[in-house]
Every structure is written in structure tokens, then in C-alpha cells.
Amino acid sequence: MNTSDSRHISERDFEDVWGARAKPDGELFTYGEVVNLPTKQVWTVYEDGGVGEDGRTDSNWYATPGMTPGFALGYLITNTAWGEETPDAIWYLDDDECAREDRRLQLTGL
């Protein structure tokens, strides 16, 4: 998987355009913390775990619109509400840890 995959919102667009965010410390929200928020601004984070064409296990984290407790690693909140046709997003692309942390520190002002 890469950020140019047209089936997913890229990790950067998800943060920059949609305003996706976790807690200030980077932890995902729990179900109890998001259950009373506007549903269309809550996303469920999950790990696909599938095997790609290269034979490697997909260890990226994705976010799907809405609350799906059965397979949730946790939840995110966005500034922009999702719609019925909104695709899943990439939340954690496993190959870019340093750049991701730099961006999150800038966004949170830490």
C-alpha cells in the first residue's frame, strides 16, 4: 500500500484536509470517548493484516468512517464530516515513522 493508492485517502490528506486527529499524546480515542460525538466525524482505526502482492503482511493502520467496535484499535475524530461515498483512509503508513511523528508534533504544537 502507498499514499498514491486511489482507494484510500492518503495519510497526509487525512490529517491536512480532513483534520483527522487522535489525542494530543498520539493515542487513539476509546469508544467511550467518541460515542456521544457527531457520528459522521468519528472514524474506526483498524489493521488490515492482509498479505500484499509482494508477500508481506500489511501492517498499515486504516480508518473507516463511523464506529465499528468489533475490530477497532481505537477511534479518530475529523473536522470534516464523512459522507456515504467516503473511502477509508490511511492513518499509519508503516514505512514513514519519522516523517509522521514530525508532522504530528507540528500539528499538536508539542
Protein backbone atom coordinates (compact mmCIF):
# COMPACT_ATOMS: atom_id res chain seq x y z
CA MET A 1 0.00 0.00 0.00
CA ASN A 2 1.22 3.51 -0.67
CA THR A 3 -0.14 7.01 -0.30
CA SER A 4 -0.99 7.20 -4.02
CA ASP A 5 -3.49 4.34 -3.70
CA SER A 6 -6.71 5.84 -5.10
CA ARG A 7 -8.87 3.52 -2.99
CA HIS A 8 -7.83 5.30 0.22
CA ILE A 9 -7.48 8.87 1.41
CA SER A 10 -3.73 9.42 1.80
CA GLU A 11 -2.29 9.74 5.26
CA ARG A 12 -1.25 13.35 4.63
CA ASP A 13 -4.64 14.37 3.16
CA PHE A 14 -6.43 12.67 6.02
CA GLU A 15 -4.60 14.89 8.50
CA ASP A 16 -4.24 18.08 6.43
CA VAL A 17 -7.56 18.17 4.54
CA TRP A 18 -9.90 16.20 6.78
CA GLY A 19 -8.35 17.37 10.08
CA ALA A 20 -8.01 13.81 11.39
CA ARG A 21 -6.63 13.64 14.88
CA ALA A 22 -6.05 11.38 17.82
CA LYS A 23 -5.47 12.55 21.39
CA PRO A 24 -2.71 15.16 21.90
CA ASP A 25 -0.38 12.39 23.13
CA GLY A 26 -0.96 10.42 19.88
CA GLU A 27 -3.13 7.73 21.48
CA LEU A 28 -6.37 6.74 19.78
CA PHE A 29 -9.69 7.65 21.38
CA THR A 30 -11.71 4.92 23.11
CA TYR A 31 -15.31 4.08 22.24
CA GLY A 32 -16.49 5.76 25.44
CA GLU A 33 -14.74 8.99 24.45
CA VAL A 34 -16.37 9.20 21.00
CA VAL A 35 -19.79 7.57 21.41
CA ASN A 36 -21.55 10.90 22.07
CA LEU A 37 -19.72 12.88 19.37
CA PRO A 38 -21.21 13.57 15.92
CA THR A 39 -21.14 10.15 14.25
CA LYS A 40 -20.04 11.49 10.86
CA GLN A 41 -16.84 12.88 12.37
CA VAL A 42 -15.75 9.63 14.04
CA TRP A 43 -13.61 7.01 12.28
CA THR A 44 -12.66 3.49 13.37
CA VAL A 45 -8.96 2.63 13.15
CA TYR A 46 -8.17 -0.97 12.17
CA GLU A 47 -5.25 -3.06 10.97
CA ASP A 48 -5.86 -4.92 7.71
CA GLY A 49 -3.37 -7.72 8.24
CA GLY A 50 -3.76 -8.94 4.65
CA VAL A 51 -0.87 -10.17 2.54
CA GLY A 52 0.12 -7.99 -0.42
CA GLU A 53 1.34 -8.99 -3.86
CA ASP A 54 4.90 -8.84 -2.55
CA GLY A 55 4.10 -11.49 0.08
CA ARG A 56 4.46 -9.08 3.00
CA THR A 57 1.82 -8.68 5.69
CA ASP A 58 0.09 -5.29 5.55
CA SER A 59 0.90 -3.66 8.89
CA ASN A 60 -0.55 -0.25 7.99
CA TRP A 61 -3.39 1.17 10.04
CA TYR A 62 -6.51 2.36 8.23
CA ALA A 63 -9.53 4.38 9.30
CA THR A 64 -13.05 3.64 8.13
CA PRO A 65 -15.90 6.12 8.52
CA GLY A 66 -18.11 5.50 11.55
CA MET A 67 -17.89 3.44 14.71
CA THR A 68 -17.25 -0.30 14.34
CA PRO A 69 -16.28 -1.61 17.78
CA GLY A 70 -15.80 -5.24 16.69
CA PHE A 71 -12.41 -4.72 15.07
CA ALA A 72 -11.38 -1.27 16.32
CA LEU A 73 -7.88 -0.50 17.51
CA GLY A 74 -9.38 2.83 18.56
CA TYR A 75 -11.02 5.90 17.06
CA LEU A 76 -10.13 9.20 15.42
CA ILE A 77 -12.05 12.43 15.04
CA THR A 78 -12.10 14.63 11.92
CA ASN A 79 -13.06 18.27 11.41
CA THR A 80 -14.85 17.35 8.19
CA ALA A 81 -17.85 15.03 8.24
CA TRP A 82 -17.68 11.92 6.05
CA GLY A 83 -20.36 11.02 3.52
CA GLU A 84 -21.81 7.77 2.23
CA GLU A 85 -19.22 7.57 -0.59
CA THR A 86 -16.18 8.47 1.55
CA PRO A 87 -13.42 5.86 1.19
CA ASP A 88 -11.29 4.52 4.01
CA ALA A 89 -8.17 6.49 4.89
CA ILE A 90 -4.60 5.57 5.71
CA TRP A 91 -3.84 6.56 9.30
CA TYR A 92 -0.47 4.88 9.81
CA LEU A 93 1.68 4.03 6.80
CA ASP A 94 4.25 1.63 8.21
CA ASP A 95 7.17 2.90 6.14
CA ASP A 96 7.27 6.56 7.20
CA GLU A 97 7.51 6.71 11.01
CA CYS A 98 9.88 9.72 11.33
CA ALA A 99 8.00 11.98 8.89
CA ARG A 100 4.69 11.09 10.55
CA GLU A 101 5.89 11.95 14.03
CA ASP A 102 7.37 15.25 12.82
CA ARG A 103 4.00 16.18 11.25
CA ARG A 104 2.05 15.22 14.38
CA LEU A 105 4.36 17.24 16.60
CA GLN A 106 3.87 20.26 14.33
CA LEU A 107 0.08 19.82 14.35
CA THR A 108 -0.14 19.48 18.12
CA GLY A 109 2.44 22.17 18.84
CA LEU A 110 4.41 19.90 21.19
